[in-house]
Amino acid sequence: MGKIALSLLLLTSLAYAKEWRLHINGMHCIACTLAVKKALMGVSGVQEAKVNFKNESAIVITDEKVTLRMMQDSVAQTGYSAIAQK
């Protein structure tokens, strides 16, 4: 019974998830990706963040309450800037 409830909770949370694709200006090494990922994961409602310094991008999975501005502000505190990609 517990596994079913957990599965339903997970499916419900994924149903309301949003995927963001961001361009992160200024990343040039692995340490940069770690700093940006930590900043993104620190935003309440961010469920997952994959950051790639080679193409200066991030894919972020969030709940419906997270805004672009929230992520941009958090990334800016690390010295980088985030721009939404279409």
Protein backbone atom coordinates (compact mmCIF):
# COMPACT_ATOMS: atom_id res chain seq x y z
CA MET A 1 0.00 0.00 0.00
CA GLY A 2 2.84 2.42 0.85
CA LYS A 3 4.59 1.82 -2.48
CA ILE A 4 1.40 2.60 -4.38
CA ALA A 5 0.87 5.85 -2.48
CA LEU A 6 4.50 6.86 -3.08
CA SER A 7 4.18 6.05 -6.79
CA LEU A 8 1.01 8.14 -7.06
CA LEU A 9 2.71 11.02 -5.25
CA LEU A 10 5.67 10.84 -7.63
CA LEU A 11 3.41 10.74 -10.69
CA THR A 12 1.40 13.68 -9.38
CA SER A 13 4.54 15.75 -8.79
CA LEU A 14 5.86 14.92 -12.27
CA ALA A 15 2.53 15.88 -13.83
CA TYR A 16 3.00 19.41 -12.52
CA ALA A 17 6.70 19.60 -13.38
CA LYS A 18 8.06 22.09 -15.86
CA GLU A 19 11.26 21.76 -17.90
CA TRP A 20 13.36 24.87 -18.40
CA ARG A 21 16.29 25.18 -20.81
CA LEU A 22 18.69 27.90 -19.80
CA HIS A 23 21.79 29.42 -21.36
CA ILE A 24 24.33 30.13 -18.61
CA ASN A 25 26.81 32.85 -19.58
CA GLY A 26 30.43 32.57 -18.50
CA MET A 27 30.89 28.93 -17.52
CA HIS A 28 34.25 27.47 -18.53
CA CYS A 29 35.00 24.53 -16.21
CA ILE A 30 33.59 21.76 -14.04
CA ALA A 31 33.75 23.97 -10.95
CA CYS A 32 31.46 26.43 -12.73
CA THR A 33 28.88 23.73 -13.35
CA LEU A 34 28.97 22.66 -9.71
CA ALA A 35 28.41 26.24 -8.52
CA VAL A 36 25.52 26.79 -10.93
CA LYS A 37 23.93 23.43 -10.12
CA LYS A 38 24.16 24.15 -6.39
CA ALA A 39 22.54 27.56 -6.95
CA LEU A 40 19.71 26.09 -9.02
CA MET A 41 19.08 23.22 -6.59
CA GLY A 42 18.89 25.80 -3.80
CA VAL A 43 15.76 27.31 -5.34
CA SER A 44 12.67 25.98 -3.58
CA GLY A 45 10.71 23.86 -6.05
CA VAL A 46 13.64 22.83 -8.25
CA GLN A 47 13.56 19.04 -8.55
CA GLU A 48 16.55 18.44 -10.83
CA ALA A 49 19.25 20.46 -12.58
CA LYS A 50 21.65 19.22 -15.24
CA VAL A 51 24.36 21.74 -16.10
CA ASN A 52 26.84 21.51 -19.02
CA PHE A 53 29.78 23.92 -19.20
CA LYS A 54 30.79 22.92 -22.75
CA ASN A 55 27.62 24.36 -24.26
CA GLU A 56 26.93 26.74 -21.35
CA SER A 57 23.49 25.28 -20.72
CA ALA A 58 21.25 23.92 -18.01
CA ILE A 59 18.12 21.81 -18.08
CA VAL A 60 16.07 22.35 -14.95
CA ILE A 61 12.97 20.46 -13.80
CA THR A 62 10.79 22.45 -11.43
CA ASP A 63 7.36 22.52 -9.92
CA GLU A 64 4.83 25.03 -11.24
CA LYS A 65 5.70 27.66 -8.62
CA VAL A 66 9.28 28.26 -9.80
CA THR A 67 9.81 31.29 -12.02
CA LEU A 68 12.60 32.18 -14.39
CA ARG A 69 13.42 35.18 -12.19
CA MET A 70 13.91 32.93 -9.13
CA MET A 71 16.47 30.84 -11.02
CA GLN A 72 18.15 33.88 -12.57
CA ASP A 73 18.56 35.54 -9.17
CA SER A 74 20.07 32.41 -7.66
CA VAL A 75 22.49 31.89 -10.57
CA ALA A 76 23.46 35.59 -10.47
CA GLN A 77 24.66 35.14 -6.89
CA THR A 78 27.34 32.78 -8.26
CA GLY A 79 28.55 35.36 -10.78
CA TYR A 80 26.84 33.95 -13.87
CA SER A 81 23.71 34.92 -15.76
CA ALA A 82 20.88 32.68 -16.95
CA ILE A 83 18.74 33.30 -20.02
CA ALA A 84 15.77 31.15 -21.01
CA GLN A 85 16.23 29.28 -24.29
CA LYS A 86 13.32 28.60 -26.59
